[in-house]
Amino acid sequence: QSLSHGILSINTGLNPRDNFVLGDGDIQYLTVKNLTTSGTIDFSGCDTITESARNIIHARSDISIGDILFASIAPLGRCYLIQNEPQKWDINESVFSIRANVDMVTPEFLYMYFMSDAFIKGATSSSTGSIFKGIRINTLLDTITIFPPKNIIDIFSKQVKKMLMLKEQKAIENQELTKLRDWLLP
C-alpha cells in the first residue's frame, strides 16, 4: 500500500528568505544537520529566531507531540519522534513533519519504519538532486510498503513506546550533563 493512501500527512518548516531573519531571538531553528542517525536532536550549532518568526514557521509546520521529524536530505534515516511539546524550537523547510493517521498506524511504528535499513535503502535509491541528494514529499508519499494489521501495530507500539520514552529521557540527561561538564571544565 502507498503511504499516500491516508496513512500519513506531511508538512515542512519554512526557509528564512523573505519571511524572517536568523540569529535574533532565543528560539532554536532546526535544520537537517540537527537530526542525528541515532534518532535524537542535536541542538548544538542551531541558528536562532524570534517568537514572531516561530509563529510564522509554526503556521506551516504545525509540529506537535507524536509527529516525526524526517531529514529530507541525504543521508536519509535521520528521524526524531516528538515526545514533548516543542516550545522553544521549530523546523526549516528541509525537515519534513510527518503525522501518522492513528486510525491506520501509530507514530512509533512509522518512526521505526523510517529508521529501518530497508526503508533507507529504498528511499536513498529514489533520491534526486545534483548538489544535495534528497527525497521529495511526493516520492515519500508514493513509497509502497506492507503494514501488519492495526492490532499488531498497537501491540508493537505499546512495547516500543516505553523504550523510546526512556531513550528521550536519557538523551535529555546526557545534554544536561554535557552542559554541566562544559561549564565545570574551565
N, C-alpha and C. Protein backbone atom coordinates (compact mmCIF):
# COMPACT_ATOMS: atom_id res chain seq x y z
N GLN A 1 0.84 -1.18 0.00
CA GLN A 1 0.00 0.00 0.00
C GLN A 1 0.89 1.24 0.00
N SER A 2 0.48 2.26 -0.75
CA SER A 2 1.22 3.52 -0.83
C SER A 2 0.98 4.34 0.42
N LEU A 3 2.01 5.06 0.90
CA LEU A 3 1.87 5.90 2.08
C LEU A 3 0.87 7.03 1.86
N SER A 4 0.58 7.36 0.61
CA SER A 4 -0.33 8.46 0.32
C SER A 4 -1.79 8.10 0.55
N HIS A 5 -2.09 6.85 0.81
CA HIS A 5 -3.48 6.41 0.99
C HIS A 5 -3.98 6.69 2.41
N GLY A 6 -3.87 7.91 2.85
CA GLY A 6 -4.41 8.32 4.15
C GLY A 6 -3.63 7.84 5.34
N ILE A 7 -2.45 7.27 5.15
CA ILE A 7 -1.67 6.74 6.26
C ILE A 7 -0.97 7.86 7.02
N LEU A 8 -0.55 8.90 6.29
CA LEU A 8 0.17 9.99 6.94
C LEU A 8 -0.05 11.29 6.18
N SER A 9 0.31 12.39 6.84
CA SER A 9 0.32 13.69 6.19
C SER A 9 1.69 14.31 6.46
N ILE A 10 2.13 15.18 5.55
CA ILE A 10 3.46 15.76 5.67
C ILE A 10 3.39 17.28 5.57
N ASN A 11 4.05 17.96 6.49
CA ASN A 11 4.25 19.41 6.44
C ASN A 11 5.75 19.66 6.46
N THR A 12 6.14 20.89 6.20
CA THR A 12 7.55 21.27 6.33
C THR A 12 7.62 22.58 7.09
N GLY A 13 8.84 22.92 7.50
CA GLY A 13 9.07 24.22 8.10
C GLY A 13 9.18 25.27 7.01
N LEU A 14 9.92 26.31 7.29
CA LEU A 14 9.99 27.44 6.38
C LEU A 14 11.42 27.94 6.28
N ASN A 15 11.82 28.36 5.08
CA ASN A 15 13.13 28.94 4.84
C ASN A 15 13.07 30.43 5.18
N PRO A 16 14.16 30.99 5.74
CA PRO A 16 14.11 32.40 6.14
C PRO A 16 13.83 33.37 4.98
N ARG A 17 14.46 33.17 3.83
CA ARG A 17 14.35 34.07 2.67
C ARG A 17 13.76 35.43 3.01
N ASP A 18 12.51 35.66 2.63
CA ASP A 18 11.87 36.95 2.88
C ASP A 18 10.93 36.89 4.08
N ASN A 19 10.97 35.80 4.82
CA ASN A 19 9.99 35.59 5.88
C ASN A 19 10.45 36.08 7.25
N PHE A 20 11.75 35.91 7.56
CA PHE A 20 12.28 36.30 8.87
C PHE A 20 13.79 36.29 8.80
N VAL A 21 14.44 36.73 9.90
CA VAL A 21 15.90 36.83 9.95
C VAL A 21 16.43 35.82 10.97
N LEU A 22 17.51 35.14 10.60
CA LEU A 22 18.17 34.22 11.53
C LEU A 22 19.07 34.99 12.47
N GLY A 23 19.29 34.40 13.65
CA GLY A 23 20.25 34.98 14.58
C GLY A 23 19.64 35.86 15.65
N ASP A 24 18.39 36.23 15.48
CA ASP A 24 17.70 37.01 16.51
C ASP A 24 16.88 36.06 17.36
N GLY A 25 16.67 36.44 18.61
CA GLY A 25 15.78 35.66 19.47
C GLY A 25 16.43 34.48 20.14
N ASP A 26 15.61 33.74 20.87
CA ASP A 26 16.12 32.59 21.63
C ASP A 26 15.39 31.29 21.28
N ILE A 27 14.67 31.28 20.17
CA ILE A 27 14.01 30.06 19.70
C ILE A 27 14.98 29.33 18.77
N GLN A 28 15.19 28.04 18.99
CA GLN A 28 16.12 27.27 18.17
C GLN A 28 15.46 26.86 16.85
N TYR A 29 16.23 27.02 15.77
CA TYR A 29 15.74 26.79 14.41
C TYR A 29 16.46 25.57 13.84
N LEU A 30 15.76 24.43 13.83
CA LEU A 30 16.37 23.16 13.44
C LEU A 30 16.42 22.98 11.93
N THR A 31 17.54 22.43 11.48
CA THR A 31 17.71 22.04 10.08
C THR A 31 18.04 20.55 10.07
N VAL A 32 18.25 19.98 8.88
CA VAL A 32 18.57 18.56 8.78
C VAL A 32 19.84 18.21 9.53
N LYS A 33 20.77 19.15 9.65
CA LYS A 33 22.03 18.85 10.35
C LYS A 33 21.83 18.60 11.84
N ASN A 34 20.68 19.02 12.39
CA ASN A 34 20.41 18.82 13.81
C ASN A 34 19.73 17.49 14.11
N LEU A 35 19.32 16.76 13.07
CA LEU A 35 18.73 15.43 13.27
C LEU A 35 19.85 14.39 13.14
N THR A 36 19.93 13.49 14.11
CA THR A 36 21.01 12.51 14.13
C THR A 36 20.52 11.15 13.63
N THR A 37 21.46 10.30 13.25
CA THR A 37 21.12 8.95 12.79
C THR A 37 20.69 8.07 13.96
N SER A 38 20.93 8.52 15.20
CA SER A 38 20.51 7.73 16.36
C SER A 38 19.11 8.11 16.83
N GLY A 39 18.43 9.00 16.09
CA GLY A 39 17.05 9.34 16.42
C GLY A 39 16.89 10.40 17.48
N THR A 40 17.89 11.26 17.61
CA THR A 40 17.81 12.35 18.58
C THR A 40 17.99 13.69 17.86
N ILE A 41 17.82 14.77 18.61
CA ILE A 41 18.09 16.11 18.10
C ILE A 41 19.35 16.61 18.76
N ASP A 42 20.27 17.12 17.96
CA ASP A 42 21.49 17.76 18.47
C ASP A 42 21.30 19.26 18.29
N PHE A 43 21.03 19.95 19.39
CA PHE A 43 20.74 21.38 19.32
C PHE A 43 21.99 22.24 19.18
N SER A 44 23.17 21.62 19.26
CA SER A 44 24.39 22.43 19.14
C SER A 44 24.51 23.00 17.74
N GLY A 45 24.92 24.25 17.65
CA GLY A 45 25.10 24.89 16.36
C GLY A 45 23.80 25.34 15.72
N CYS A 46 22.71 25.36 16.49
CA CYS A 46 21.41 25.81 15.95
C CYS A 46 21.43 27.32 15.73
N ASP A 47 20.83 27.74 14.63
CA ASP A 47 20.53 29.15 14.47
C ASP A 47 19.36 29.47 15.40
N THR A 48 19.15 30.75 15.64
CA THR A 48 18.03 31.15 16.49
C THR A 48 17.11 32.10 15.72
N ILE A 49 15.87 32.16 16.19
CA ILE A 49 14.86 33.02 15.60
C ILE A 49 14.04 33.65 16.73
N THR A 50 13.24 34.63 16.37
CA THR A 50 12.37 35.28 17.35
C THR A 50 11.06 34.50 17.48
N GLU A 51 10.29 34.86 18.49
CA GLU A 51 8.99 34.22 18.70
C GLU A 51 8.05 34.53 17.54
N SER A 52 8.12 35.74 16.99
CA SER A 52 7.25 36.07 15.86
C SER A 52 7.63 35.24 14.63
N ALA A 53 8.93 34.99 14.43
CA ALA A 53 9.36 34.13 13.32
C ALA A 53 8.87 32.71 13.55
N ARG A 54 8.92 32.23 14.79
CA ARG A 54 8.43 30.87 15.08
C ARG A 54 6.94 30.77 14.78
N ASN A 55 6.19 31.81 15.08
CA ASN A 55 4.75 31.80 14.78
C ASN A 55 4.51 31.66 13.29
N ILE A 56 5.33 32.33 12.48
CA ILE A 56 5.21 32.23 11.02
C ILE A 56 5.52 30.81 10.56
N ILE A 57 6.61 30.25 11.09
CA ILE A 57 7.03 28.89 10.73
C ILE A 57 5.98 27.88 11.19
N HIS A 58 5.52 28.05 12.44
CA HIS A 58 4.61 27.07 13.03
C HIS A 58 3.26 27.01 12.30
N ALA A 59 2.87 28.12 11.68
CA ALA A 59 1.63 28.11 10.90
C ALA A 59 1.73 27.11 9.75
N ARG A 60 2.96 26.86 9.31
CA ARG A 60 3.18 25.90 8.22
C ARG A 60 3.57 24.51 8.75
N SER A 61 4.48 24.47 9.71
CA SER A 61 5.00 23.18 10.19
C SER A 61 4.00 22.46 11.09
N ASP A 62 3.34 23.21 11.97
CA ASP A 62 2.33 22.67 12.88
C ASP A 62 2.86 21.48 13.68
N ILE A 63 4.15 21.51 14.07
CA ILE A 63 4.72 20.37 14.79
C ILE A 63 4.09 20.22 16.17
N SER A 64 3.90 18.97 16.57
CA SER A 64 3.35 18.68 17.89
C SER A 64 3.76 17.27 18.32
N ILE A 65 3.41 16.92 19.54
CA ILE A 65 3.74 15.60 20.09
C ILE A 65 3.18 14.51 19.17
N GLY A 66 3.99 13.50 18.88
CA GLY A 66 3.58 12.39 18.03
C GLY A 66 4.01 12.55 16.58
N ASP A 67 4.45 13.76 16.21
CA ASP A 67 4.95 13.97 14.85
C ASP A 67 6.36 13.41 14.72
N ILE A 68 6.71 13.02 13.51
CA ILE A 68 8.04 12.50 13.23
C ILE A 68 8.76 13.53 12.38
N LEU A 69 9.91 13.99 12.85
CA LEU A 69 10.73 14.88 12.04
C LEU A 69 11.62 13.99 11.17
N PHE A 70 11.70 14.33 9.90
CA PHE A 70 12.36 13.48 8.92
C PHE A 70 13.29 14.35 8.08
N ALA A 71 14.58 14.02 8.07
CA ALA A 71 15.56 14.78 7.27
C ALA A 71 15.39 14.40 5.81
N SER A 72 15.01 15.36 4.99
CA SER A 72 14.73 15.08 3.58
C SER A 72 15.98 15.03 2.72
N ILE A 73 17.12 15.41 3.30
CA ILE A 73 18.38 15.45 2.56
C ILE A 73 19.27 14.32 3.06
N ALA A 74 19.97 13.66 2.13
CA ALA A 74 20.84 12.54 2.47
C ALA A 74 21.93 12.98 3.45
N PRO A 75 22.36 12.08 4.35
CA PRO A 75 21.92 10.69 4.44
C PRO A 75 20.54 10.58 5.07
N LEU A 76 19.70 9.76 4.44
CA LEU A 76 18.36 9.54 4.95
C LEU A 76 18.42 8.62 6.18
N GLY A 77 17.31 8.55 6.90
CA GLY A 77 17.28 7.75 8.12
C GLY A 77 17.49 8.57 9.37
N ARG A 78 17.57 9.90 9.21
CA ARG A 78 17.68 10.78 10.38
C ARG A 78 16.27 11.25 10.71
N CYS A 79 15.73 10.68 11.78
CA CYS A 79 14.36 10.97 12.19
C CYS A 79 14.33 11.24 13.68
N TYR A 80 13.26 11.91 14.11
CA TYR A 80 13.06 12.18 15.53
C TYR A 80 11.57 12.14 15.81
N LEU A 81 11.16 11.36 16.79
CA LEU A 81 9.76 11.29 17.21
C LEU A 81 9.56 12.29 18.35
N ILE A 82 8.71 13.29 18.11
CA ILE A 82 8.47 14.33 19.12
C ILE A 82 7.64 13.73 20.25
N GLN A 83 8.22 13.76 21.48
CA GLN A 83 7.54 13.18 22.64
C GLN A 83 7.19 14.21 23.69
N ASN A 84 7.76 15.42 23.56
CA ASN A 84 7.45 16.52 24.47
C ASN A 84 7.04 17.73 23.63
N GLU A 85 6.17 18.56 24.17
CA GLU A 85 5.68 19.72 23.42
C GLU A 85 6.84 20.60 22.97
N PRO A 86 6.98 20.83 21.65
CA PRO A 86 8.08 21.67 21.15
C PRO A 86 7.79 23.15 21.41
N GLN A 87 8.39 23.70 22.46
CA GLN A 87 8.07 25.07 22.84
C GLN A 87 9.12 26.08 22.38
N LYS A 88 10.37 25.74 22.43
CA LYS A 88 11.42 26.71 22.13
C LYS A 88 12.19 26.36 20.87
N TRP A 89 11.52 25.69 19.91
CA TRP A 89 12.18 25.35 18.65
C TRP A 89 11.14 25.08 17.57
N ASP A 90 11.62 25.16 16.32
CA ASP A 90 10.80 24.80 15.16
C ASP A 90 11.75 24.39 14.04
N ILE A 91 11.20 24.05 12.87
CA ILE A 91 11.98 23.41 11.81
C ILE A 91 12.05 24.26 10.54
N ASN A 92 13.05 23.97 9.71
CA ASN A 92 13.13 24.66 8.41
C ASN A 92 12.51 23.78 7.33
N GLU A 93 12.56 24.26 6.09
CA GLU A 93 11.84 23.57 5.01
C GLU A 93 12.46 22.24 4.58
N SER A 94 13.69 21.96 4.97
CA SER A 94 14.30 20.69 4.58
C SER A 94 13.96 19.56 5.57
N VAL A 95 13.23 19.90 6.62
CA VAL A 95 12.79 18.90 7.59
C VAL A 95 11.29 18.67 7.38
N PHE A 96 10.93 17.41 7.13
CA PHE A 96 9.51 17.08 6.99
C PHE A 96 8.94 16.78 8.38
N SER A 97 7.73 17.23 8.61
CA SER A 97 6.99 16.89 9.82
C SER A 97 5.91 15.91 9.39
N ILE A 98 6.05 14.65 9.80
CA ILE A 98 5.16 13.59 9.35
C ILE A 98 4.20 13.23 10.48
N ARG A 99 2.91 13.27 10.18
CA ARG A 99 1.88 12.95 11.17
C ARG A 99 1.16 11.69 10.73
N ALA A 100 1.16 10.70 11.61
CA ALA A 100 0.50 9.42 11.32
C ALA A 100 -1.01 9.55 11.47
N ASN A 101 -1.73 8.86 10.61
CA ASN A 101 -3.17 8.71 10.78
C ASN A 101 -3.33 7.57 11.78
N VAL A 102 -3.64 7.93 13.03
CA VAL A 102 -3.62 6.93 14.11
C VAL A 102 -4.72 5.89 13.99
N ASP A 103 -5.65 6.09 13.07
CA ASP A 103 -6.64 5.05 12.81
C ASP A 103 -6.04 3.90 12.01
N MET A 104 -4.91 4.17 11.34
CA MET A 104 -4.29 3.16 10.48
C MET A 104 -2.94 2.69 10.98
N VAL A 105 -2.18 3.58 11.62
CA VAL A 105 -0.81 3.26 12.04
C VAL A 105 -0.44 4.17 13.21
N THR A 106 0.52 3.75 14.02
CA THR A 106 0.94 4.56 15.16
C THR A 106 2.20 5.35 14.81
N PRO A 107 2.43 6.47 15.51
CA PRO A 107 3.66 7.23 15.27
C PRO A 107 4.92 6.39 15.53
N GLU A 108 4.86 5.57 16.57
CA GLU A 108 6.03 4.74 16.91
C GLU A 108 6.36 3.76 15.79
N PHE A 109 5.33 3.14 15.22
CA PHE A 109 5.55 2.19 14.13
C PHE A 109 6.14 2.91 12.92
N LEU A 110 5.57 4.06 12.54
CA LEU A 110 6.10 4.82 11.40
C LEU A 110 7.53 5.26 11.64
N TYR A 111 7.81 5.73 12.85
CA TYR A 111 9.17 6.16 13.21
C TYR A 111 10.16 5.01 13.02
N MET A 112 9.82 3.85 13.54
CA MET A 112 10.72 2.70 13.41
C MET A 112 10.85 2.27 11.94
N TYR A 113 9.78 2.41 11.19
CA TYR A 113 9.81 2.10 9.76
C TYR A 113 10.78 3.04 9.03
N PHE A 114 10.69 4.34 9.31
CA PHE A 114 11.57 5.30 8.64
C PHE A 114 13.03 5.16 9.06
N MET A 115 13.28 4.55 10.21
CA MET A 115 14.65 4.33 10.67
C MET A 115 15.21 2.99 10.17
N SER A 116 14.37 2.18 9.56
CA SER A 116 14.79 0.83 9.17
C SER A 116 15.73 0.85 7.96
N ASP A 117 16.62 -0.12 7.91
CA ASP A 117 17.56 -0.24 6.80
C ASP A 117 16.84 -0.43 5.47
N ALA A 118 15.75 -1.20 5.47
CA ALA A 118 15.01 -1.44 4.23
C ALA A 118 14.46 -0.14 3.66
N PHE A 119 13.86 0.69 4.52
CA PHE A 119 13.32 1.97 4.04
C PHE A 119 14.44 2.87 3.55
N ILE A 120 15.51 2.98 4.33
CA ILE A 120 16.62 3.88 3.99
C ILE A 120 17.23 3.49 2.64
N LYS A 121 17.42 2.19 2.43
CA LYS A 121 17.99 1.72 1.16
C LYS A 121 17.08 2.07 -0.01
N GLY A 122 15.78 1.82 0.12
CA GLY A 122 14.83 2.13 -0.95
C GLY A 122 14.71 3.62 -1.20
N ALA A 123 14.64 4.40 -0.14
CA ALA A 123 14.50 5.85 -0.27
C ALA A 123 15.76 6.47 -0.85
N THR A 124 16.91 5.97 -0.46
CA THR A 124 18.17 6.50 -0.99
C THR A 124 18.26 6.26 -2.49
N SER A 125 17.80 5.11 -2.95
CA SER A 125 17.85 4.83 -4.39
C SER A 125 16.87 5.72 -5.16
N SER A 126 15.87 6.28 -4.48
CA SER A 126 14.90 7.19 -5.12
C SER A 126 15.31 8.64 -4.98
N SER A 127 16.42 8.90 -4.30
CA SER A 127 16.85 10.28 -4.05
C SER A 127 17.22 10.98 -5.35
N THR A 128 16.95 12.29 -5.36
CA THR A 128 17.29 13.11 -6.52
C THR A 128 18.06 14.34 -6.05
N GLY A 129 18.65 15.05 -7.00
CA GLY A 129 19.38 16.28 -6.69
C GLY A 129 20.80 16.19 -7.14
N SER A 130 21.34 17.32 -7.62
CA SER A 130 22.71 17.31 -8.12
C SER A 130 23.71 17.69 -7.03
N ILE A 131 23.36 18.63 -6.17
CA ILE A 131 24.30 19.05 -5.11
C ILE A 131 24.00 18.29 -3.82
N PHE A 132 22.76 18.40 -3.35
CA PHE A 132 22.33 17.68 -2.15
C PHE A 132 21.28 16.66 -2.56
N LYS A 133 21.61 15.38 -2.46
CA LYS A 133 20.63 14.34 -2.77
C LYS A 133 19.59 14.31 -1.66
N GLY A 134 18.35 14.16 -2.06
CA GLY A 134 17.29 14.12 -1.06
C GLY A 134 16.05 13.47 -1.63
N ILE A 135 15.04 13.41 -0.79
CA ILE A 135 13.77 12.80 -1.19
C ILE A 135 12.69 13.88 -1.14
N ARG A 136 11.84 13.87 -2.13
CA ARG A 136 10.75 14.85 -2.22
C ARG A 136 9.51 14.28 -1.53
N ILE A 137 8.62 15.18 -1.14
CA ILE A 137 7.40 14.75 -0.44
C ILE A 137 6.61 13.75 -1.27
N ASN A 138 6.42 14.03 -2.55
CA ASN A 138 5.63 13.12 -3.39
C ASN A 138 6.29 11.75 -3.53
N THR A 139 7.63 11.73 -3.61
CA THR A 139 8.34 10.45 -3.68
C THR A 139 8.12 9.66 -2.40
N LEU A 140 8.17 10.35 -1.27
CA LEU A 140 7.94 9.69 0.02
C LEU A 140 6.52 9.15 0.09
N LEU A 141 5.55 9.96 -0.33
CA LEU A 141 4.15 9.54 -0.29
C LEU A 141 3.86 8.37 -1.23
N ASP A 142 4.62 8.28 -2.33
CA ASP A 142 4.42 7.21 -3.31
C ASP A 142 5.10 5.90 -2.91
N THR A 143 5.83 5.91 -1.79
CA THR A 143 6.51 4.70 -1.32
C THR A 143 5.47 3.62 -1.03
N ILE A 144 5.72 2.44 -1.57
CA ILE A 144 4.84 1.30 -1.36
C ILE A 144 5.41 0.45 -0.23
N THR A 145 4.57 0.09 0.71
CA THR A 145 5.03 -0.74 1.81
C THR A 145 3.90 -1.64 2.30
N ILE A 146 4.25 -2.60 3.10
CA ILE A 146 3.27 -3.53 3.66
C ILE A 146 3.18 -3.24 5.17
N PHE A 147 1.96 -3.07 5.65
CA PHE A 147 1.75 -2.85 7.06
C PHE A 147 1.02 -4.04 7.66
N PRO A 148 1.40 -4.44 8.87
CA PRO A 148 0.65 -5.52 9.54
C PRO A 148 -0.73 -4.99 9.96
N PRO A 149 -1.61 -5.87 10.42
CA PRO A 149 -2.91 -5.42 10.91
C PRO A 149 -2.76 -4.43 12.07
N LYS A 150 -3.72 -3.55 12.23
CA LYS A 150 -3.64 -2.47 13.23
C LYS A 150 -3.47 -3.01 14.64
N ASN A 151 -4.11 -4.14 14.98
CA ASN A 151 -3.96 -4.67 16.33
C ASN A 151 -2.52 -5.11 16.62
N ILE A 152 -1.82 -5.61 15.62
CA ILE A 152 -0.41 -5.99 15.77
C ILE A 152 0.44 -4.73 15.93
N ILE A 153 0.14 -3.71 15.13
CA ILE A 153 0.86 -2.43 15.23
C ILE A 153 0.69 -1.85 16.63
N ASP A 154 -0.51 -1.92 17.19
CA ASP A 154 -0.77 -1.38 18.53
C ASP A 154 0.03 -2.12 19.60
N ILE A 155 0.11 -3.43 19.50
CA ILE A 155 0.89 -4.22 20.46
C ILE A 155 2.37 -3.86 20.35
N PHE A 156 2.86 -3.79 19.11
CA PHE A 156 4.25 -3.40 18.87
C PHE A 156 4.54 -2.02 19.47
N SER A 157 3.66 -1.07 19.19
CA SER A 157 3.87 0.31 19.63
C SER A 157 3.84 0.44 21.15
N LYS A 158 3.00 -0.33 21.79
CA LYS A 158 2.92 -0.29 23.25
C LYS A 158 4.28 -0.66 23.86
N GLN A 159 4.95 -1.65 23.30
CA GLN A 159 6.26 -2.06 23.80
C GLN A 159 7.35 -1.05 23.44
N VAL A 160 7.32 -0.59 22.19
CA VAL A 160 8.37 0.32 21.71
C VAL A 160 8.27 1.69 22.38
N LYS A 161 7.05 2.13 22.66
CA LYS A 161 6.84 3.47 23.25
C LYS A 161 7.62 3.63 24.55
N LYS A 162 7.62 2.58 25.39
CA LYS A 162 8.35 2.62 26.66
C LYS A 162 9.84 2.86 26.42
N MET A 163 10.40 2.14 25.45
CA MET A 163 11.82 2.27 25.15
C MET A 163 12.15 3.65 24.57
N LEU A 164 11.27 4.15 23.71
CA LEU A 164 11.50 5.46 23.11
C LEU A 164 11.43 6.57 24.15
N MET A 165 10.53 6.44 25.12
CA MET A 165 10.44 7.43 26.20
C MET A 165 11.70 7.40 27.06
N LEU A 166 12.20 6.22 27.35
CA LEU A 166 13.44 6.08 28.12
C LEU A 166 14.62 6.66 27.33
N LYS A 167 14.67 6.39 26.05
CA LYS A 167 15.72 6.93 25.19
C LYS A 167 15.70 8.46 25.21
N GLU A 168 14.51 9.04 25.10
CA GLU A 168 14.36 10.50 25.13
C GLU A 168 14.84 11.07 26.46
N GLN A 169 14.45 10.43 27.56
CA GLN A 169 14.85 10.87 28.89
C GLN A 169 16.37 10.84 29.03
N LYS A 170 17.00 9.77 28.56
CA LYS A 170 18.46 9.65 28.67
C LYS A 170 19.17 10.66 27.77
N ALA A 171 18.60 10.95 26.60
CA ALA A 171 19.20 11.96 25.71
C ALA A 171 19.17 13.33 26.37
N ILE A 172 18.07 13.67 27.04
CA ILE A 172 17.97 14.95 27.75
C ILE A 172 18.98 15.00 28.90
N GLU A 173 19.08 13.90 29.64
CA GLU A 173 20.06 13.83 30.74
C GLU A 173 21.48 14.01 30.21
N ASN A 174 21.79 13.37 29.10
CA ASN A 174 23.14 13.50 28.52
C ASN A 174 23.42 14.94 28.10
N GLN A 175 22.43 15.62 27.52
CA GLN A 175 22.63 17.02 27.13
C GLN A 175 22.89 17.89 28.35
N GLU A 176 22.15 17.64 29.44
CA GLU A 176 22.35 18.41 30.67
C GLU A 176 23.74 18.13 31.26
N LEU A 177 24.16 16.88 31.24
CA LEU A 177 25.49 16.54 31.76
C LEU A 177 26.60 17.16 30.91
N THR A 178 26.38 17.21 29.60
CA THR A 178 27.37 17.84 28.72
C THR A 178 27.48 19.34 29.02
N LYS A 179 26.34 20.00 29.24
CA LYS A 179 26.36 21.43 29.60
C LYS A 179 27.10 21.64 30.92
N LEU A 180 26.82 20.77 31.90
CA LEU A 180 27.47 20.87 33.20
C LEU A 180 28.98 20.66 33.06
N ARG A 181 29.37 19.65 32.29
CA ARG A 181 30.79 19.40 32.05
C ARG A 181 31.47 20.60 31.42
N ASP A 182 30.85 21.15 30.39
CA ASP A 182 31.43 22.30 29.69
C ASP A 182 31.52 23.53 30.59
N TRP A 183 30.62 23.63 31.55
CA TRP A 183 30.66 24.75 32.49
C TRP A 183 31.74 24.53 33.55
N LEU A 184 31.89 23.27 33.98
CA LEU A 184 32.85 22.96 35.05
C LEU A 184 34.31 22.95 34.57
N LEU A 185 34.56 22.46 33.37
CA LEU A 185 35.94 22.31 32.90
C LEU A 185 36.76 23.61 32.92
N PRO A 186 36.25 24.73 32.47
CA PRO A 186 37.06 25.96 32.52
C PRO A 186 37.41 26.36 33.93
